[in-house]
N, C-alpha and C. Protein backbone atom coordinates (compact mmCIF):
# COMPACT_ATOMS: atom_id res chain seq x y z
N PHE A 1 0.82 -1.20 0.00
CA PHE A 1 0.00 0.00 0.00
C PHE A 1 0.86 1.26 0.00
N ILE A 2 1.93 1.25 0.78
CA ILE A 2 2.81 2.42 0.85
C ILE A 2 3.55 2.59 -0.47
N GLY A 3 3.90 1.48 -1.10
CA GLY A 3 4.56 1.55 -2.41
C GLY A 3 3.66 2.19 -3.45
N LEU A 4 2.37 1.88 -3.41
CA LEU A 4 1.41 2.47 -4.33
C LEU A 4 1.29 3.97 -4.12
N LEU A 5 1.25 4.39 -2.85
CA LEU A 5 1.19 5.82 -2.55
C LEU A 5 2.47 6.53 -3.00
N LEU A 6 3.59 5.86 -2.85
CA LEU A 6 4.87 6.44 -3.29
C LEU A 6 4.89 6.61 -4.81
N LEU A 7 4.40 5.61 -5.54
CA LEU A 7 4.34 5.71 -7.00
C LEU A 7 3.39 6.81 -7.45
N LEU A 8 2.27 6.96 -6.77
CA LEU A 8 1.33 8.04 -7.08
C LEU A 8 1.97 9.39 -6.85
N TYR A 9 2.72 9.52 -5.76
CA TYR A 9 3.43 10.77 -5.47
C TYR A 9 4.48 11.08 -6.54
N VAL A 10 5.22 10.08 -6.97
CA VAL A 10 6.22 10.27 -8.03
C VAL A 10 5.54 10.70 -9.33
N PHE A 11 4.39 10.10 -9.64
CA PHE A 11 3.66 10.46 -10.86
C PHE A 11 3.21 11.92 -10.81
N VAL A 12 2.66 12.35 -9.69
CA VAL A 12 2.20 13.74 -9.57
C VAL A 12 3.38 14.70 -9.64
N CYS A 13 4.49 14.34 -9.03
CA CYS A 13 5.68 15.19 -9.10
C CYS A 13 6.22 15.27 -10.53
N SER A 14 6.14 14.17 -11.27
CA SER A 14 6.63 14.20 -12.65
C SER A 14 5.74 15.08 -13.53
N LEU A 15 4.42 15.08 -13.27
CA LEU A 15 3.55 15.98 -14.02
C LEU A 15 3.87 17.44 -13.72
N ASP A 16 4.17 17.74 -12.46
CA ASP A 16 4.55 19.10 -12.08
C ASP A 16 5.87 19.48 -12.74
N LEU A 17 6.79 18.56 -12.79
CA LEU A 17 8.08 18.82 -13.44
C LEU A 17 7.90 19.07 -14.94
N MET A 18 7.04 18.30 -15.58
CA MET A 18 6.78 18.50 -17.01
C MET A 18 6.11 19.85 -17.25
N SER A 19 5.21 20.24 -16.37
CA SER A 19 4.55 21.53 -16.49
C SER A 19 5.57 22.67 -16.36
N SER A 20 6.48 22.56 -15.41
CA SER A 20 7.53 23.57 -15.25
C SER A 20 8.43 23.61 -16.47
N GLY A 21 8.71 22.45 -17.03
CA GLY A 21 9.53 22.40 -18.24
C GLY A 21 8.88 23.10 -19.41
N PHE A 22 7.56 22.92 -19.57
CA PHE A 22 6.85 23.62 -20.64
C PHE A 22 6.92 25.13 -20.43
N ARG A 23 6.77 25.56 -19.19
CA ARG A 23 6.83 27.00 -18.91
C ARG A 23 8.20 27.56 -19.23
N LEU A 24 9.26 26.82 -18.90
CA LEU A 24 10.61 27.32 -19.10
C LEU A 24 11.07 27.26 -20.56
N LEU A 25 10.72 26.21 -21.26
CA LEU A 25 11.29 25.99 -22.58
C LEU A 25 10.61 26.72 -23.73
N GLY A 26 9.42 27.13 -23.57
CA GLY A 26 8.81 27.77 -24.72
C GLY A 26 7.37 28.14 -24.52
N ALA A 27 7.06 28.59 -23.35
CA ALA A 27 5.65 28.91 -23.07
C ALA A 27 5.13 30.01 -23.98
N LYS A 28 5.96 30.99 -24.26
CA LYS A 28 5.49 32.11 -25.07
C LYS A 28 5.18 31.66 -26.50
N LEU A 29 6.14 30.99 -27.12
CA LEU A 29 5.95 30.54 -28.50
C LEU A 29 4.86 29.49 -28.60
N THR A 30 4.90 28.52 -27.69
CA THR A 30 3.90 27.46 -27.72
C THR A 30 2.52 28.00 -27.40
N GLY A 31 2.45 28.92 -26.45
CA GLY A 31 1.17 29.51 -26.09
C GLY A 31 0.56 30.28 -27.24
N GLN A 32 1.37 31.02 -27.97
CA GLN A 32 0.87 31.74 -29.14
C GLN A 32 0.41 30.76 -30.21
N THR A 33 1.16 29.70 -30.40
CA THR A 33 0.80 28.72 -31.42
C THR A 33 -0.54 28.08 -31.11
N PHE A 34 -0.75 27.68 -29.86
CA PHE A 34 -2.00 27.02 -29.51
C PHE A 34 -3.16 27.99 -29.37
N SER A 35 -2.90 29.22 -28.94
CA SER A 35 -4.01 30.16 -28.77
C SER A 35 -4.47 30.74 -30.10
N GLU A 36 -3.58 30.84 -31.07
CA GLU A 36 -3.93 31.42 -32.36
C GLU A 36 -4.23 30.36 -33.42
N SER A 37 -4.17 29.11 -33.04
CA SER A 37 -4.37 28.03 -34.00
C SER A 37 -5.83 27.91 -34.40
N LYS A 38 -6.08 27.95 -35.70
CA LYS A 38 -7.44 27.75 -36.19
C LYS A 38 -7.84 26.29 -36.11
N LEU A 39 -6.83 25.42 -36.06
CA LEU A 39 -7.11 23.99 -35.95
C LEU A 39 -7.82 23.68 -34.64
N LEU A 40 -7.39 24.33 -33.56
CA LEU A 40 -7.95 24.02 -32.25
C LEU A 40 -9.26 24.74 -31.97
N THR A 41 -9.62 25.73 -32.77
CA THR A 41 -10.92 26.38 -32.56
C THR A 41 -12.05 25.50 -33.10
N ASN A 42 -11.71 24.61 -34.00
CA ASN A 42 -12.69 23.68 -34.55
C ASN A 42 -12.69 22.41 -33.69
N PRO A 43 -13.84 21.98 -33.19
CA PRO A 43 -13.86 20.78 -32.35
C PRO A 43 -13.32 19.52 -33.04
N ILE A 44 -13.60 19.37 -34.31
CA ILE A 44 -13.10 18.21 -35.04
C ILE A 44 -11.58 18.26 -35.15
N GLY A 45 -11.04 19.46 -35.30
CA GLY A 45 -9.59 19.61 -35.37
C GLY A 45 -8.91 19.19 -34.07
N GLY A 46 -9.51 19.56 -32.94
CA GLY A 46 -8.97 19.14 -31.65
C GLY A 46 -9.01 17.63 -31.48
N LEU A 47 -10.12 17.03 -31.90
CA LEU A 47 -10.22 15.57 -31.84
C LEU A 47 -9.16 14.90 -32.71
N MET A 48 -8.97 15.42 -33.92
CA MET A 48 -7.98 14.84 -34.82
C MET A 48 -6.56 15.03 -34.29
N LEU A 49 -6.30 16.17 -33.64
CA LEU A 49 -4.98 16.40 -33.06
C LEU A 49 -4.71 15.39 -31.94
N GLY A 50 -5.71 15.13 -31.11
CA GLY A 50 -5.55 14.12 -30.06
C GLY A 50 -5.35 12.73 -30.63
N LEU A 51 -6.09 12.41 -31.68
CA LEU A 51 -5.94 11.12 -32.33
C LEU A 51 -4.55 10.97 -32.93
N LEU A 52 -4.07 12.02 -33.58
CA LEU A 52 -2.74 12.00 -34.20
C LEU A 52 -1.65 11.88 -33.14
N ALA A 53 -1.81 12.60 -32.04
CA ALA A 53 -0.81 12.52 -30.96
C ALA A 53 -0.75 11.11 -30.39
N THR A 54 -1.90 10.47 -30.26
CA THR A 54 -1.94 9.10 -29.75
C THR A 54 -1.28 8.14 -30.72
N VAL A 55 -1.48 8.34 -32.00
CA VAL A 55 -0.85 7.48 -33.00
C VAL A 55 0.67 7.67 -32.98
N ILE A 56 1.12 8.89 -32.82
CA ILE A 56 2.57 9.16 -32.84
C ILE A 56 3.26 8.55 -31.63
N VAL A 57 2.72 8.79 -30.43
CA VAL A 57 3.40 8.29 -29.23
C VAL A 57 2.93 6.91 -28.81
N GLN A 58 1.92 6.35 -29.48
CA GLN A 58 1.39 5.02 -29.23
C GLN A 58 0.88 4.83 -27.81
N SER A 59 0.42 5.92 -27.19
CA SER A 59 -0.10 5.81 -25.83
C SER A 59 -1.01 7.00 -25.55
N SER A 60 -2.26 6.71 -25.24
CA SER A 60 -3.16 7.81 -24.90
C SER A 60 -2.81 8.40 -23.54
N SER A 61 -2.24 7.60 -22.66
CA SER A 61 -1.85 8.10 -21.34
C SER A 61 -0.74 9.14 -21.46
N THR A 62 0.21 8.90 -22.34
CA THR A 62 1.29 9.85 -22.52
C THR A 62 0.79 11.15 -23.12
N SER A 63 -0.01 11.06 -24.16
CA SER A 63 -0.52 12.29 -24.78
C SER A 63 -1.45 13.03 -23.83
N THR A 64 -2.23 12.32 -23.03
CA THR A 64 -3.10 12.97 -22.05
C THR A 64 -2.27 13.66 -20.97
N SER A 65 -1.21 13.03 -20.51
CA SER A 65 -0.34 13.65 -19.51
C SER A 65 0.31 14.92 -20.04
N ILE A 66 0.70 14.91 -21.30
CA ILE A 66 1.30 16.09 -21.91
C ILE A 66 0.27 17.21 -21.99
N VAL A 67 -0.96 16.89 -22.38
CA VAL A 67 -2.01 17.90 -22.48
C VAL A 67 -2.35 18.47 -21.10
N VAL A 68 -2.41 17.61 -20.08
CA VAL A 68 -2.69 18.08 -18.72
C VAL A 68 -1.58 19.01 -18.25
N SER A 69 -0.34 18.69 -18.57
CA SER A 69 0.77 19.58 -18.20
C SER A 69 0.68 20.91 -18.92
N MET A 70 0.24 20.89 -20.17
CA MET A 70 0.09 22.14 -20.92
C MET A 70 -1.03 23.00 -20.34
N VAL A 71 -2.09 22.38 -19.87
CA VAL A 71 -3.17 23.13 -19.22
C VAL A 71 -2.68 23.69 -17.90
N SER A 72 -1.92 22.90 -17.17
CA SER A 72 -1.39 23.34 -15.88
C SER A 72 -0.47 24.55 -16.01
N SER A 73 0.28 24.60 -17.09
CA SER A 73 1.18 25.74 -17.31
C SER A 73 0.52 26.86 -18.11
N SER A 74 -0.78 26.81 -18.29
CA SER A 74 -1.58 27.84 -18.97
C SER A 74 -1.22 28.03 -20.43
N ILE A 75 -0.71 27.01 -21.07
CA ILE A 75 -0.41 27.07 -22.49
C ILE A 75 -1.67 26.76 -23.29
N LEU A 76 -2.50 25.91 -22.76
CA LEU A 76 -3.69 25.42 -23.45
C LEU A 76 -4.90 25.62 -22.54
N SER A 77 -6.02 26.00 -23.14
CA SER A 77 -7.23 26.17 -22.34
C SER A 77 -7.89 24.82 -22.07
N VAL A 78 -8.67 24.76 -21.01
CA VAL A 78 -9.33 23.51 -20.64
C VAL A 78 -10.31 23.08 -21.72
N LYS A 79 -11.01 24.03 -22.31
CA LYS A 79 -11.98 23.71 -23.36
C LYS A 79 -11.33 23.00 -24.54
N ARG A 80 -10.17 23.49 -24.95
CA ARG A 80 -9.47 22.86 -26.07
C ARG A 80 -8.82 21.55 -25.66
N ALA A 81 -8.38 21.49 -24.40
CA ALA A 81 -7.73 20.27 -23.92
C ALA A 81 -8.71 19.10 -23.86
N ILE A 82 -9.95 19.38 -23.51
CA ILE A 82 -10.96 18.31 -23.43
C ILE A 82 -11.11 17.64 -24.78
N LEU A 83 -11.14 18.43 -25.84
CA LEU A 83 -11.28 17.86 -27.18
C LEU A 83 -10.07 17.01 -27.57
N ILE A 84 -8.88 17.49 -27.21
CA ILE A 84 -7.67 16.74 -27.54
C ILE A 84 -7.64 15.42 -26.78
N ILE A 85 -8.02 15.45 -25.50
CA ILE A 85 -8.04 14.22 -24.70
C ILE A 85 -9.10 13.26 -25.21
N MET A 86 -10.25 13.79 -25.63
CA MET A 86 -11.28 12.92 -26.22
C MET A 86 -10.74 12.25 -27.48
N GLY A 87 -10.03 13.01 -28.31
CA GLY A 87 -9.44 12.44 -29.52
C GLY A 87 -8.40 11.38 -29.20
N ALA A 88 -7.63 11.61 -28.14
CA ALA A 88 -6.63 10.62 -27.74
C ALA A 88 -7.30 9.32 -27.31
N ASN A 89 -8.38 9.43 -26.56
CA ASN A 89 -9.07 8.21 -26.11
C ASN A 89 -9.79 7.51 -27.26
N ILE A 90 -10.35 8.27 -28.18
CA ILE A 90 -10.99 7.66 -29.36
C ILE A 90 -9.94 6.95 -30.21
N GLY A 91 -8.79 7.61 -30.40
CA GLY A 91 -7.71 7.00 -31.17
C GLY A 91 -7.20 5.72 -30.53
N ASN A 92 -7.09 5.74 -29.22
CA ASN A 92 -6.64 4.56 -28.51
C ASN A 92 -7.61 3.40 -28.71
N SER A 93 -8.89 3.66 -28.55
CA SER A 93 -9.90 2.60 -28.72
C SER A 93 -9.95 2.10 -30.16
N PHE A 94 -9.88 3.02 -31.10
CA PHE A 94 -9.96 2.67 -32.51
C PHE A 94 -8.81 1.75 -32.92
N PHE A 95 -7.60 2.13 -32.55
CA PHE A 95 -6.44 1.34 -32.96
C PHE A 95 -6.36 0.02 -32.21
N LYS A 96 -6.88 -0.05 -30.99
CA LYS A 96 -6.92 -1.34 -30.30
C LYS A 96 -7.83 -2.31 -31.04
N HIS A 97 -8.95 -1.80 -31.53
CA HIS A 97 -9.87 -2.67 -32.27
C HIS A 97 -9.26 -3.11 -33.61
N ILE A 98 -8.53 -2.23 -34.25
CA ILE A 98 -7.88 -2.60 -35.52
C ILE A 98 -6.85 -3.71 -35.29
N PHE A 99 -5.99 -3.53 -34.28
CA PHE A 99 -4.97 -4.54 -34.02
C PHE A 99 -5.59 -5.85 -33.53
N LYS A 100 -6.67 -5.74 -32.79
CA LYS A 100 -7.35 -6.95 -32.29
C LYS A 100 -7.94 -7.72 -33.48
N SER A 101 -8.57 -7.03 -34.41
CA SER A 101 -9.18 -7.72 -35.55
C SER A 101 -8.09 -8.30 -36.46
N LYS A 102 -6.94 -7.64 -36.59
CA LYS A 102 -5.84 -8.20 -37.36
C LYS A 102 -5.34 -9.48 -36.73
N HIS A 103 -5.26 -9.49 -35.41
CA HIS A 103 -4.79 -10.68 -34.71
C HIS A 103 -5.78 -11.83 -34.86
N ILE A 104 -7.06 -11.54 -34.80
CA ILE A 104 -8.07 -12.58 -34.96
C ILE A 104 -8.04 -13.16 -36.36
N LEU A 105 -7.88 -12.28 -37.37
CA LEU A 105 -7.85 -12.75 -38.75
C LEU A 105 -6.61 -13.59 -39.06
N SER A 106 -5.48 -13.28 -38.40
CA SER A 106 -4.26 -14.02 -38.68
C SER A 106 -4.23 -15.35 -37.94
N SER A 107 -5.12 -15.57 -36.98
CA SER A 107 -5.12 -16.83 -36.22
C SER A 107 -5.76 -17.96 -36.98
């Protein structure tokens, strides 16, 4: 039980560290890019961005953690982040079903 609490603490600290890193490395440029992006003003664009991020990193948890860190450092608004996270989860489910059906067909 204590080990689980320790791992949870390390996870929360790593999210805080990632948020600080975003603030230090390029908050101004990244913030302008995300706030002025026409892609993110469209809900479908946010979903597609989340789906694409999940495909690139092959993990919806990783892309969701990055988005949460960007919201924490005020680079991304919560409204836009929700769409990206929804896209990440849709992409994760979609590709799991594709790989599952490929495995069933090859058996």
